[in-house]
mmCIF file of all heavy atoms, coordinates in Angstrom:
data_MODEL
# 
_entry.id   MODEL 
# 
loop_
_atom_site.group_PDB 
_atom_site.id 
_atom_site.type_symbol 
_atom_site.label_atom_id 
_atom_site.label_alt_id 
_atom_site.label_comp_id 
_atom_site.label_asym_id 
_atom_site.label_entity_id 
_atom_site.label_seq_id 
_atom_site.pdbx_PDB_ins_code 
_atom_site.Cartn_x 
_atom_site.Cartn_y 
_atom_site.Cartn_z 
_atom_site.occupancy 
_atom_site.B_iso_or_equiv 
_atom_site.pdbx_formal_charge 
_atom_site.auth_seq_id 
_atom_site.auth_comp_id 
_atom_site.auth_asym_id 
_atom_site.auth_atom_id 
_atom_site.pdbx_PDB_model_num 
ATOM 1   N N   . VAL A 1 1  ? -107.167 37.032 -29.953 1.00 0.00 ? 1  VAL A N   1 
ATOM 2   C CA  . VAL A 1 1  ? -108.185 36.432 -29.098 1.00 0.00 ? 1  VAL A CA  1 
ATOM 3   C C   . VAL A 1 1  ? -107.685 36.475 -27.651 1.00 0.00 ? 1  VAL A C   1 
ATOM 4   O O   . VAL A 1 1  ? -106.571 36.913 -27.371 1.00 0.00 ? 1  VAL A O   1 
ATOM 5   C CB  . VAL A 1 1  ? -108.514 34.990 -29.531 1.00 0.00 ? 1  VAL A CB  1 
ATOM 6   C CG1 . VAL A 1 1  ? -109.086 34.988 -30.940 1.00 0.00 ? 1  VAL A CG1 1 
ATOM 7   C CG2 . VAL A 1 1  ? -107.302 34.080 -29.443 1.00 0.00 ? 1  VAL A CG2 1 
ATOM 8   N N   . LEU A 1 2  ? -108.521 36.034 -26.732 1.00 0.00 ? 2  LEU A N   1 
ATOM 9   C CA  . LEU A 1 2  ? -108.173 36.080 -25.312 1.00 0.00 ? 2  LEU A CA  1 
ATOM 10  C C   . LEU A 1 2  ? -106.885 35.299 -25.051 1.00 0.00 ? 2  LEU A C   1 
ATOM 11  O O   . LEU A 1 2  ? -106.734 34.168 -25.544 1.00 0.00 ? 2  LEU A O   1 
ATOM 12  C CB  . LEU A 1 2  ? -109.326 35.483 -24.491 1.00 0.00 ? 2  LEU A CB  1 
ATOM 13  C CG  . LEU A 1 2  ? -109.257 35.688 -22.983 1.00 0.00 ? 2  LEU A CG  1 
ATOM 14  C CD1 . LEU A 1 2  ? -109.522 37.144 -22.622 1.00 0.00 ? 2  LEU A CD1 1 
ATOM 15  C CD2 . LEU A 1 2  ? -110.290 34.785 -22.297 1.00 0.00 ? 2  LEU A CD2 1 
ATOM 16  N N   . PRO A 1 3  ? -105.937 35.841 -24.279 1.00 0.00 ? 3  PRO A N   1 
ATOM 17  C CA  . PRO A 1 3  ? -104.658 35.152 -24.049 1.00 0.00 ? 3  PRO A CA  1 
ATOM 18  C C   . PRO A 1 3  ? -104.762 34.063 -22.981 1.00 0.00 ? 3  PRO A C   1 
ATOM 19  O O   . PRO A 1 3  ? -104.208 34.165 -21.882 1.00 0.00 ? 3  PRO A O   1 
ATOM 20  C CB  . PRO A 1 3  ? -103.735 36.288 -23.604 1.00 0.00 ? 3  PRO A CB  1 
ATOM 21  C CG  . PRO A 1 3  ? -104.644 37.247 -22.905 1.00 0.00 ? 3  PRO A CG  1 
ATOM 22  C CD  . PRO A 1 3  ? -105.941 37.190 -23.662 1.00 0.00 ? 3  PRO A CD  1 
ATOM 23  N N   . ALA A 1 4  ? -105.472 33.002 -23.308 1.00 0.00 ? 4  ALA A N   1 
ATOM 24  C CA  . ALA A 1 4  ? -105.607 31.842 -22.433 1.00 0.00 ? 4  ALA A CA  1 
ATOM 25  C C   . ALA A 1 4  ? -105.670 30.629 -23.347 1.00 0.00 ? 4  ALA A C   1 
ATOM 26  O O   . ALA A 1 4  ? -106.623 30.482 -24.125 1.00 0.00 ? 4  ALA A O   1 
ATOM 27  C CB  . ALA A 1 4  ? -106.860 31.950 -21.573 1.00 0.00 ? 4  ALA A CB  1 
ATOM 28  N N   . ALA A 1 5  ? -104.671 29.750 -23.276 1.00 0.00 ? 5  ALA A N   1 
ATOM 29  C CA  . ALA A 1 5  ? -104.519 28.652 -24.234 1.00 0.00 ? 5  ALA A CA  1 
ATOM 30  C C   . ALA A 1 5  ? -104.726 27.304 -23.566 1.00 0.00 ? 5  ALA A C   1 
ATOM 31  O O   . ALA A 1 5  ? -104.094 27.000 -22.550 1.00 0.00 ? 5  ALA A O   1 
ATOM 32  C CB  . ALA A 1 5  ? -103.137 28.699 -24.878 1.00 0.00 ? 5  ALA A CB  1 
ATOM 33  N N   . ILE A 1 6  ? -105.605 26.506 -24.138 1.00 0.00 ? 6  ILE A N   1 
ATOM 34  C CA  . ILE A 1 6  ? -105.710 25.099 -23.753 1.00 0.00 ? 6  ILE A CA  1 
ATOM 35  C C   . ILE A 1 6  ? -104.679 24.340 -24.586 1.00 0.00 ? 6  ILE A C   1 
ATOM 36  O O   . ILE A 1 6  ? -104.701 24.395 -25.816 1.00 0.00 ? 6  ILE A O   1 
ATOM 37  C CB  . ILE A 1 6  ? -107.121 24.562 -24.013 1.00 0.00 ? 6  ILE A CB  1 
ATOM 38  C CG1 . ILE A 1 6  ? -108.127 25.292 -23.124 1.00 0.00 ? 6  ILE A CG1 1 
ATOM 39  C CG2 . ILE A 1 6  ? -107.186 23.051 -23.760 1.00 0.00 ? 6  ILE A CG2 1 
ATOM 40  C CD1 . ILE A 1 6  ? -109.566 25.007 -23.459 1.00 0.00 ? 6  ILE A CD1 1 
ATOM 41  N N   . VAL A 1 7  ? -103.763 23.664 -23.896 1.00 0.00 ? 7  VAL A N   1 
ATOM 42  C CA  . VAL A 1 7  ? -102.653 22.968 -24.563 1.00 0.00 ? 7  VAL A CA  1 
ATOM 43  C C   . VAL A 1 7  ? -102.724 21.494 -24.185 1.00 0.00 ? 7  VAL A C   1 
ATOM 44  O O   . VAL A 1 7  ? -102.737 21.142 -23.000 1.00 0.00 ? 7  VAL A O   1 
ATOM 45  C CB  . VAL A 1 7  ? -101.296 23.573 -24.143 1.00 0.00 ? 7  VAL A CB  1 
ATOM 46  C CG1 . VAL A 1 7  ? -100.140 22.763 -24.726 1.00 0.00 ? 7  VAL A CG1 1 
ATOM 47  C CG2 . VAL A 1 7  ? -101.212 25.024 -24.590 1.00 0.00 ? 7  VAL A CG2 1 
ATOM 48  N N   . ILE A 1 8  ? -102.766 20.628 -25.217 1.00 0.00 ? 8  ILE A N   1 
ATOM 49  C CA  . ILE A 1 8  ? -102.952 19.192 -24.996 1.00 0.00 ? 8  ILE A CA  1 
ATOM 50  C C   . ILE A 1 8  ? -101.837 18.431 -25.702 1.00 0.00 ? 8  ILE A C   1 
ATOM 51  O O   . ILE A 1 8  ? -101.766 18.433 -26.945 1.00 0.00 ? 8  ILE A O   1 
ATOM 52  C CB  . ILE A 1 8  ? -104.310 18.724 -25.561 1.00 0.00 ? 8  ILE A CB  1 
ATOM 53  C CG1 . ILE A 1 8  ? -105.439 19.614 -25.040 1.00 0.00 ? 8  ILE A CG1 1 
ATOM 54  C CG2 . ILE A 1 8  ? -104.571 17.263 -25.220 1.00 0.00 ? 8  ILE A CG2 1 
ATOM 55  C CD1 . ILE A 1 8  ? -106.732 19.450 -25.813 1.00 0.00 ? 8  ILE A CD1 1 
ATOM 56  N N   . PRO A 1 9  ? -100.937 17.776 -24.962 1.00 0.00 ? 9  PRO A N   1 
ATOM 57  C CA  . PRO A 1 9  ? -99.932  16.922 -25.613 1.00 0.00 ? 9  PRO A CA  1 
ATOM 58  C C   . PRO A 1 9  ? -100.646 15.830 -26.414 1.00 0.00 ? 9  PRO A C   1 
ATOM 59  O O   . PRO A 1 9  ? -101.617 15.226 -25.940 1.00 0.00 ? 9  PRO A O   1 
ATOM 60  C CB  . PRO A 1 9  ? -99.156  16.334 -24.436 1.00 0.00 ? 9  PRO A CB  1 
ATOM 61  C CG  . PRO A 1 9  ? -99.357  17.321 -23.321 1.00 0.00 ? 9  PRO A CG  1 
ATOM 62  C CD  . PRO A 1 9  ? -100.754 17.841 -23.500 1.00 0.00 ? 9  PRO A CD  1 
ATOM 63  N N   . ILE A 1 10 ? -100.183 15.590 -27.628 1.00 0.00 ? 10 ILE A N   1 
ATOM 64  C CA  . ILE A 1 10 ? -100.938 14.716 -28.525 1.00 0.00 ? 10 ILE A CA  1 
ATOM 65  C C   . ILE A 1 10 ? -100.014 14.139 -29.576 1.00 0.00 ? 10 ILE A C   1 
ATOM 66  O O   . ILE A 1 10 ? -98.923  14.674 -29.837 1.00 0.00 ? 10 ILE A O   1 
ATOM 67  C CB  . ILE A 1 10 ? -102.084 15.530 -29.183 1.00 0.00 ? 10 ILE A CB  1 
ATOM 68  C CG1 . ILE A 1 10 ? -103.170 14.609 -29.719 1.00 0.00 ? 10 ILE A CG1 1 
ATOM 69  C CG2 . ILE A 1 10 ? -101.561 16.466 -30.257 1.00 0.00 ? 10 ILE A CG2 1 
ATOM 70  C CD1 . ILE A 1 10 ? -104.438 15.351 -30.091 1.00 0.00 ? 10 ILE A CD1 1 
ATOM 71  N N   . ARG A 1 11 ? -100.446 13.067 -30.184 1.00 0.00 ? 11 ARG A N   1 
ATOM 72  C CA  . ARG A 1 11 ? -99.739  12.525 -31.339 1.00 0.00 ? 11 ARG A CA  1 
ATOM 73  C C   . ARG A 1 11 ? -100.387 13.084 -32.604 1.00 0.00 ? 11 ARG A C   1 
ATOM 74  O O   . ARG A 1 11 ? -101.613 13.201 -32.693 1.00 0.00 ? 11 ARG A O   1 
ATOM 75  C CB  . ARG A 1 11 ? -99.816  10.997 -31.354 1.00 0.00 ? 11 ARG A CB  1 
ATOM 76  C CG  . ARG A 1 11 ? -99.159  10.322 -30.159 1.00 0.00 ? 11 ARG A CG  1 
ATOM 77  C CD  . ARG A 1 11 ? -99.105  8.808  -30.385 1.00 0.00 ? 11 ARG A CD  1 
ATOM 78  N NE  . ARG A 1 11 ? -100.421 8.274  -30.780 1.00 0.00 ? 11 ARG A NE  1 
ATOM 79  C CZ  . ARG A 1 11 ? -101.363 7.905  -29.914 1.00 0.00 ? 11 ARG A CZ  1 
ATOM 80  N NH1 . ARG A 1 11 ? -101.145 8.011  -28.610 1.00 0.00 ? 11 ARG A NH1 1 
ATOM 81  N NH2 . ARG A 1 11 ? -102.512 7.431  -30.350 1.00 0.00 ? 11 ARG A NH2 1 
ATOM 82  N N   . ARG A 1 12 ? -99.560  13.391 -33.586 1.00 0.00 ? 12 ARG A N   1 
ATOM 83  C CA  . ARG A 1 12 ? -100.054 14.003 -34.818 1.00 0.00 ? 12 ARG A CA  1 
ATOM 84  C C   . ARG A 1 12 ? -101.142 13.160 -35.480 1.00 0.00 ? 12 ARG A C   1 
ATOM 85  O O   . ARG A 1 12 ? -102.105 13.690 -36.052 1.00 0.00 ? 12 ARG A O   1 
ATOM 86  C CB  . ARG A 1 12 ? -98.896  14.221 -35.784 1.00 0.00 ? 12 ARG A CB  1 
ATOM 87  C CG  . ARG A 1 12 ? -99.251  14.973 -37.056 1.00 0.00 ? 12 ARG A CG  1 
ATOM 88  C CD  . ARG A 1 12 ? -98.011  15.187 -37.893 1.00 0.00 ? 12 ARG A CD  1 
ATOM 89  N NE  . ARG A 1 12 ? -97.091  16.104 -37.253 1.00 0.00 ? 12 ARG A NE  1 
ATOM 90  C CZ  . ARG A 1 12 ? -96.907  17.368 -37.628 1.00 0.00 ? 12 ARG A CZ  1 
ATOM 91  N NH1 . ARG A 1 12 ? -97.585  17.845 -38.656 1.00 0.00 ? 12 ARG A NH1 1 
ATOM 92  N NH2 . ARG A 1 12 ? -96.045  18.130 -36.997 1.00 0.00 ? 12 ARG A NH2 1 
ATOM 93  N N   . ASP A 1 13 ? -101.019 11.816 -35.383 1.00 0.00 ? 13 ASP A N   1 
ATOM 94  C CA  . ASP A 1 13 ? -101.995 10.967 -36.067 1.00 0.00 ? 13 ASP A CA  1 
ATOM 95  C C   . ASP A 1 13 ? -103.367 10.973 -35.385 1.00 0.00 ? 13 ASP A C   1 
ATOM 96  O O   . ASP A 1 13 ? -104.334 10.447 -35.927 1.00 0.00 ? 13 ASP A O   1 
ATOM 97  C CB  . ASP A 1 13 ? -101.471 9.531  -36.205 1.00 0.00 ? 13 ASP A CB  1 
ATOM 98  C CG  . ASP A 1 13 ? -101.166 8.875  -34.855 1.00 0.00 ? 13 ASP A CG  1 
ATOM 99  O OD1 . ASP A 1 13 ? -101.510 9.457  -33.796 1.00 0.00 ? 13 ASP A OD1 1 
ATOM 100 O OD2 . ASP A 1 13 ? -100.582 7.780  -34.853 1.00 0.00 ? 13 ASP A OD2 1 
ATOM 101 N N   . GLU A 1 14 ? -103.454 11.563 -34.187 1.00 0.00 ? 14 GLU A N   1 
ATOM 102 C CA  . GLU A 1 14 ? -104.760 11.674 -33.525 1.00 0.00 ? 14 GLU A CA  1 
ATOM 103 C C   . GLU A 1 14 ? -105.627 12.770 -34.114 1.00 0.00 ? 14 GLU A C   1 
ATOM 104 O O   . GLU A 1 14 ? -106.835 12.789 -33.915 1.00 0.00 ? 14 GLU A O   1 
ATOM 105 C CB  . GLU A 1 14 ? -104.582 11.947 -32.023 1.00 0.00 ? 14 GLU A CB  1 
ATOM 106 C CG  . GLU A 1 14 ? -104.097 10.770 -31.208 1.00 0.00 ? 14 GLU A CG  1 
ATOM 107 C CD  . GLU A 1 14 ? -104.181 11.085 -29.721 1.00 0.00 ? 14 GLU A CD  1 
ATOM 108 O OE1 . GLU A 1 14 ? -105.308 11.108 -29.185 1.00 0.00 ? 14 GLU A OE1 1 
ATOM 109 O OE2 . GLU A 1 14 ? -103.128 11.326 -29.112 1.00 0.00 ? 14 GLU A OE2 1 
ATOM 110 N N   . VAL A 1 15 ? -105.006 13.720 -34.819 1.00 0.00 ? 15 VAL A N   1 
ATOM 111 C CA  . VAL A 1 15 ? -105.761 14.850 -35.363 1.00 0.00 ? 15 VAL A CA  1 
ATOM 112 C C   . VAL A 1 15 ? -105.444 15.009 -36.853 1.00 0.00 ? 15 VAL A C   1 
ATOM 113 O O   . VAL A 1 15 ? -104.887 16.033 -37.270 1.00 0.00 ? 15 VAL A O   1 
ATOM 114 C CB  . VAL A 1 15 ? -105.468 16.146 -34.587 1.00 0.00 ? 15 VAL A CB  1 
ATOM 115 C CG1 . VAL A 1 15 ? -106.178 16.153 -33.247 1.00 0.00 ? 15 VAL A CG1 1 
ATOM 116 C CG2 . VAL A 1 15 ? -103.960 16.336 -34.384 1.00 0.00 ? 15 VAL A CG2 1 
ATOM 117 N N   . PRO A 1 16 ? -105.768 14.007 -37.659 1.00 0.00 ? 16 PRO A N   1 
ATOM 118 C CA  . PRO A 1 16 ? -105.475 14.109 -39.092 1.00 0.00 ? 16 PRO A CA  1 
ATOM 119 C C   . PRO A 1 16 ? -106.210 15.303 -39.702 1.00 0.00 ? 16 PRO A C   1 
ATOM 120 O O   . PRO A 1 16 ? -107.365 15.579 -39.373 1.00 0.00 ? 16 PRO A O   1 
ATOM 121 C CB  . PRO A 1 16 ? -106.003 12.783 -39.653 1.00 0.00 ? 16 PRO A CB  1 
ATOM 122 C CG  . PRO A 1 16 ? -107.026 12.321 -38.669 1.00 0.00 ? 16 PRO A CG  1 
ATOM 123 C CD  . PRO A 1 16 ? -106.526 12.783 -37.322 1.00 0.00 ? 16 PRO A CD  1 
ATOM 124 N N   . GLY A 1 17 ? -105.494 16.025 -40.532 1.00 0.00 ? 17 GLY A N   1 
ATOM 125 C CA  . GLY A 1 17 ? -106.110 17.175 -41.189 1.00 0.00 ? 17 GLY A CA  1 
ATOM 126 C C   . GLY A 1 17 ? -106.008 18.470 -40.421 1.00 0.00 ? 17 GLY A C   1 
ATOM 127 O O   . GLY A 1 17 ? -106.364 19.533 -40.954 1.00 0.00 ? 17 GLY A O   1 
ATOM 128 N N   . ALA A 1 18 ? -105.517 18.432 -39.190 1.00 0.00 ? 18 ALA A N   1 
ATOM 129 C CA  . ALA A 1 18 ? -105.387 19.664 -38.412 1.00 0.00 ? 18 ALA A CA  1 
ATOM 130 C C   . ALA A 1 18 ? -104.320 20.563 -39.019 1.00 0.00 ? 18 ALA A C   1 
ATOM 131 O O   . ALA A 1 18 ? -103.278 20.084 -39.498 1.00 0.00 ? 18 ALA A O   1 
ATOM 132 C CB  . ALA A 1 18 ? -105.038 19.351 -36.961 1.00 0.00 ? 18 ALA A CB  1 
ATOM 133 N N   . VAL A 1 19 ? -104.551 21.856 -39.016 1.00 0.00 ? 19 VAL A N   1 
ATOM 134 C CA  . VAL A 1 19 ? -103.545 22.810 -39.469 1.00 0.00 ? 19 VAL A CA  1 
ATOM 135 C C   . VAL A 1 19 ? -102.371 22.754 -38.500 1.00 0.00 ? 19 VAL A C   1 
ATOM 136 O O   . VAL A 1 19 ? -102.554 22.817 -37.278 1.00 0.00 ? 19 VAL A O   1 
ATOM 137 C CB  . VAL A 1 19 ? -104.125 24.226 -39.538 1.00 0.00 ? 19 VAL A CB  1 
ATOM 138 C CG1 . VAL A 1 19 ? -103.031 25.255 -39.791 1.00 0.00 ? 19 VAL A CG1 1 
ATOM 139 C CG2 . VAL A 1 19 ? -105.188 24.314 -40.629 1.00 0.00 ? 19 VAL A CG2 1 
ATOM 140 N N   . ALA A 1 20 ? -101.169 22.616 -39.035 1.00 0.00 ? 20 ALA A N   1 
ATOM 141 C CA  . ALA A 1 20 ? -99.978  22.456 -38.198 1.00 0.00 ? 20 ALA A CA  1 
ATOM 142 C C   . ALA A 1 20 ? -99.014  23.613 -38.408 1.00 0.00 ? 20 ALA A C   1 
ATOM 143 O O   . ALA A 1 20 ? -98.886  24.154 -39.508 1.00 0.00 ? 20 ALA A O   1 
ATOM 144 C CB  . ALA A 1 20 ? -99.289  21.133 -38.516 1.00 0.00 ? 20 ALA A CB  1 
ATOM 145 N N   . VAL A 1 21 ? -98.333  23.977 -37.328 1.00 0.00 ? 21 VAL A N   1 
ATOM 146 C CA  . VAL A 1 21 ? -97.361  25.060 -37.374 1.00 0.00 ? 21 VAL A CA  1 
ATOM 147 C C   . VAL A 1 21 ? -96.294  24.760 -36.333 1.00 0.00 ? 21 VAL A C   1 
ATOM 148 O O   . VAL A 1 21 ? -96.548  24.030 -35.362 1.00 0.00 ? 21 VAL A O   1 
ATOM 149 C CB  . VAL A 1 21 ? -98.058  26.412 -37.092 1.00 0.00 ? 21 VAL A CB  1 
ATOM 150 C CG1 . VAL A 1 21 ? -98.540  26.490 -35.651 1.00 0.00 ? 21 VAL A CG1 1 
ATOM 151 C CG2 . VAL A 1 21 ? -97.156  27.580 -37.420 1.00 0.00 ? 21 VAL A CG2 1 
ATOM 152 N N   . THR A 1 22 ? -95.097  25.289 -36.520 1.00 0.00 ? 22 THR A N   1 
ATOM 153 C CA  . THR A 1 22 ? -94.025  25.076 -35.555 1.00 0.00 ? 22 THR A CA  1 
ATOM 154 C C   . THR A 1 22 ? -93.797  26.336 -34.736 1.00 0.00 ? 22 THR A C   1 
ATOM 155 O O   . THR A 1 22 ? -94.111  27.452 -35.180 1.00 0.00 ? 22 THR A O   1 
ATOM 156 C CB  . THR A 1 22 ? -92.711  24.690 -36.243 1.00 0.00 ? 22 THR A CB  1 
ATOM 157 O OG1 . THR A 1 22 ? -92.214  25.821 -36.970 1.00 0.00 ? 22 THR A OG1 1 
ATOM 158 C CG2 . THR A 1 22 ? -92.915  23.507 -37.191 1.00 0.00 ? 22 THR A CG2 1 
ATOM 159 N N   . ALA A 1 23 ? -93.223  26.146 -33.555 1.00 0.00 ? 23 ALA A N   1 
ATOM 160 C CA  . ALA A 1 23 ? -92.905  27.289 -32.694 1.00 0.00 ? 23 ALA A CA  1 
ATOM 161 C C   . ALA A 1 23 ? -91.930  28.228 -33.385 1.00 0.00 ? 23 ALA A C   1 
ATOM 162 O O   . ALA A 1 23 ? -92.009  29.453 -33.222 1.00 0.00 ? 23 ALA A O   1 
ATOM 163 C CB  . ALA A 1 23 ? -92.323  26.789 -31.370 1.00 0.00 ? 23 ALA A CB  1 
ATOM 164 N N   . GLU A 1 24 ? -91.007  27.681 -34.169 1.00 0.00 ? 24 GLU A N   1 
ATOM 165 C CA  . GLU A 1 24 ? -90.037  28.519 -34.884 1.00 0.00 ? 24 GLU A CA  1 
ATOM 166 C C   . GLU A 1 24 ? -90.736  29.399 -35.910 1.00 0.00 ? 24 GLU A C   1 
ATOM 167 O O   . GLU A 1 24 ? -90.383  30.570 -36.086 1.00 0.00 ? 24 GLU A O   1 
ATOM 168 C CB  . GLU A 1 24 ? -88.982  27.639 -35.558 1.00 0.00 ? 24 GLU A CB  1 
ATOM 169 C CG  . GLU A 1 24 ? -88.043  26.922 -34.599 1.00 0.00 ? 24 GLU A CG  1 
ATOM 170 C CD  . GLU A 1 24 ? -88.709  25.706 -33.924 1.00 0.00 ? 24 GLU A CD  1 
ATOM 171 O OE1 . GLU A 1 24 ? -89.782  25.272 -34.390 1.00 0.00 ? 24 GLU A OE1 1 
ATOM 172 O OE2 . GLU A 1 24 ? -88.137  25.209 -32.932 1.00 0.00 ? 24 GLU A OE2 1 
ATOM 173 N N   . GLU A 1 25 ? -91.731  28.855 -36.604 1.00 0.00 ? 25 GLU A N   1 
ATOM 174 C CA  . GLU A 1 25 ? -92.476  29.647 -37.582 1.00 0.00 ? 25 GLU A CA  1 
ATOM 175 C C   . GLU A 1 25 ? -93.252  30.773 -36.907 1.00 0.00 ? 25 GLU A C   1 
ATOM 176 O O   . GLU A 1 25 ? -93.315  31.893 -37.419 1.00 0.00 ? 25 GLU A O   1 
ATOM 177 C CB  . GLU A 1 25 ? -93.426  28.746 -38.372 1.00 0.00 ? 25 GLU A CB  1 
ATOM 178 C CG  . GLU A 1 25 ? -92.701  27.820 -39.342 1.00 0.00 ? 25 GLU A CG  1 
ATOM 179 C CD  . GLU A 1 25 ? -93.576  26.703 -39.869 1.00 0.00 ? 25 GLU A CD  1 
ATOM 180 O OE1 . GLU A 1 25 ? -94.617  26.396 -39.242 1.00 0.00 ? 25 GLU A OE1 1 
ATOM 181 O OE2 . GLU A 1 25 ? -93.221  26.123 -40.916 1.00 0.00 ? 25 GLU A OE2 1 
ATOM 182 N N   . VAL A 1 26 ? -93.812  30.477 -35.739 1.00 0.00 ? 26 VAL A N   1 
ATOM 183 C CA  . VAL A 1 26 ? -94.532  31.512 -34.989 1.00 0.00 ? 26 VAL A CA  1 
ATOM 184 C C   . VAL A 1 26 ? -93.571  32.627 -34.572 1.00 0.00 ? 26 VAL A C   1 
ATOM 185 O O   . VAL A 1 26 ? -93.874  33.814 -34.697 1.00 0.00 ? 26 VAL A O   1 
ATOM 186 C CB  . VAL A 1 26 ? -95.224  30.902 -33.749 1.00 0.00 ? 26 VAL A CB  1 
ATOM 187 C CG1 . VAL A 1 26 ? -95.878  31.996 -32.910 1.00 0.00 ? 26 VAL A CG1 1 
ATOM 188 C CG2 . VAL A 1 26 ? -96.262  29.870 -34.168 1.00 0.00 ? 26 VAL A CG2 1 
ATOM 189 N N   . ALA A 1 27 ? -92.399  32.240 -34.089 1.00 0.00 ? 27 ALA A N   1 
ATOM 190 C CA  . ALA A 1 27 ? -91.422  33.230 -33.620 1.00 0.00 ? 27 ALA A CA  1 
ATOM 191 C C   . ALA A 1 27 ? -90.946  34.140 -34.745 1.00 0.00 ? 27 ALA A C   1 
ATOM 192 O O   . ALA A 1 27 ? -90.645  35.315 -34.521 1.00 0.00 ? 27 ALA A O   1 
ATOM 193 C CB  . ALA A 1 27 ? -90.232  32.515 -32.980 1.00 0.00 ? 27 ALA A CB  1 
ATOM 194 N N   . ARG A 1 28 ? -90.879  33.604 -35.971 1.00 0.00 ? 28 ARG A N   1 
ATOM 195 C CA  . ARG A 1 28 ? -90.387  34.398 -37.102 1.00 0.00 ? 28 ARG A CA  1 
ATOM 196 C C   . ARG A 1 28 ? -91.474  35.254 -37.748 1.00 0.00 ? 28 ARG A C   1 
ATOM 197 O O   . ARG A 1 28 ? -91.176  36.119 -38.574 1.00 0.00 ? 28 ARG A O   1 
ATOM 198 C CB  . ARG A 1 28 ? -89.803  33.471 -38.170 1.00 0.00 ? 28 ARG A CB  1 
ATOM 199 C CG  . ARG A 1 28 ? -88.516  32.765 -37.786 1.00 0.00 ? 28 ARG A CG  1 
ATOM 200 C CD  . ARG A 1 28 ? -87.838  32.188 -39.025 1.00 0.00 ? 28 ARG A CD  1 
ATOM 201 N NE  . ARG A 1 28 ? -88.688  31.211 -39.711 1.00 0.00 ? 28 ARG A NE  1 
ATOM 202 C CZ  . ARG A 1 28 ? -88.621  29.898 -39.536 1.00 0.00 ? 28 ARG A CZ  1 
ATOM 203 N NH1 . ARG A 1 28 ? -87.740  29.399 -38.679 1.00 0.00 ? 28 ARG A NH1 1 
ATOM 204 N NH2 . ARG A 1 28 ? -89.398  29.076 -40.209 1.00 0.00 ? 28 ARG A NH2 1 
ATOM 205 N N   . PHE A 1 29 ? -92.718  35.030 -37.380 1.00 0.00 ? 29 PHE A N   1 
ATOM 206 C CA  . PHE A 1 29 ? -93.829  35.588 -38.153 1.00 0.00 ? 29 PHE A CA  1 
ATOM 207 C C   . PHE A 1 29 ? -93.846  37.110 -38.153 1.00 0.00 ? 29 PHE A C   1 
ATOM 208 O O   . PHE A 1 29 ? -93.970  37.729 -39.218 1.00 0.00 ? 29 PHE A O   1 
ATOM 209 C CB  . PHE A 1 29 ? -95.159  35.054 -37.602 1.00 0.00 ? 29 PHE A CB  1 
ATOM 210 C CG  . PHE A 1 29 ? -96.361  35.509 -38.390 1.00 0.00 ? 29 PHE A CG  1 
ATOM 211 C CD1 . PHE A 1 29 ? -96.637  34.945 -39.622 1.00 0.00 ? 29 PHE A CD1 1 
ATOM 212 C CD2 . PHE A 1 29 ? -97.196  36.492 -37.905 1.00 0.00 ? 29 PHE A CD2 1 
ATOM 213 C CE1 . PHE A 1 29 ? -97.742  35.350 -40.361 1.00 0.00 ? 29 PHE A CE1 1 
ATOM 214 C CE2 . PHE A 1 29 ? -98.304  36.909 -38.631 1.00 0.00 ? 29 PHE A CE2 1 
ATOM 215 C CZ  . PHE A 1 29 ? -98.573  36.331 -39.863 1.00 0.00 ? 29 PHE A CZ  1 
# 
């Protein structure tokens, strides 16, 4: 997709059920 990311600092409990991933997992993919 277009390389422009909206990034919002957040607490995990604010988005229950959201798919989660770590930067390390992305780097290894």
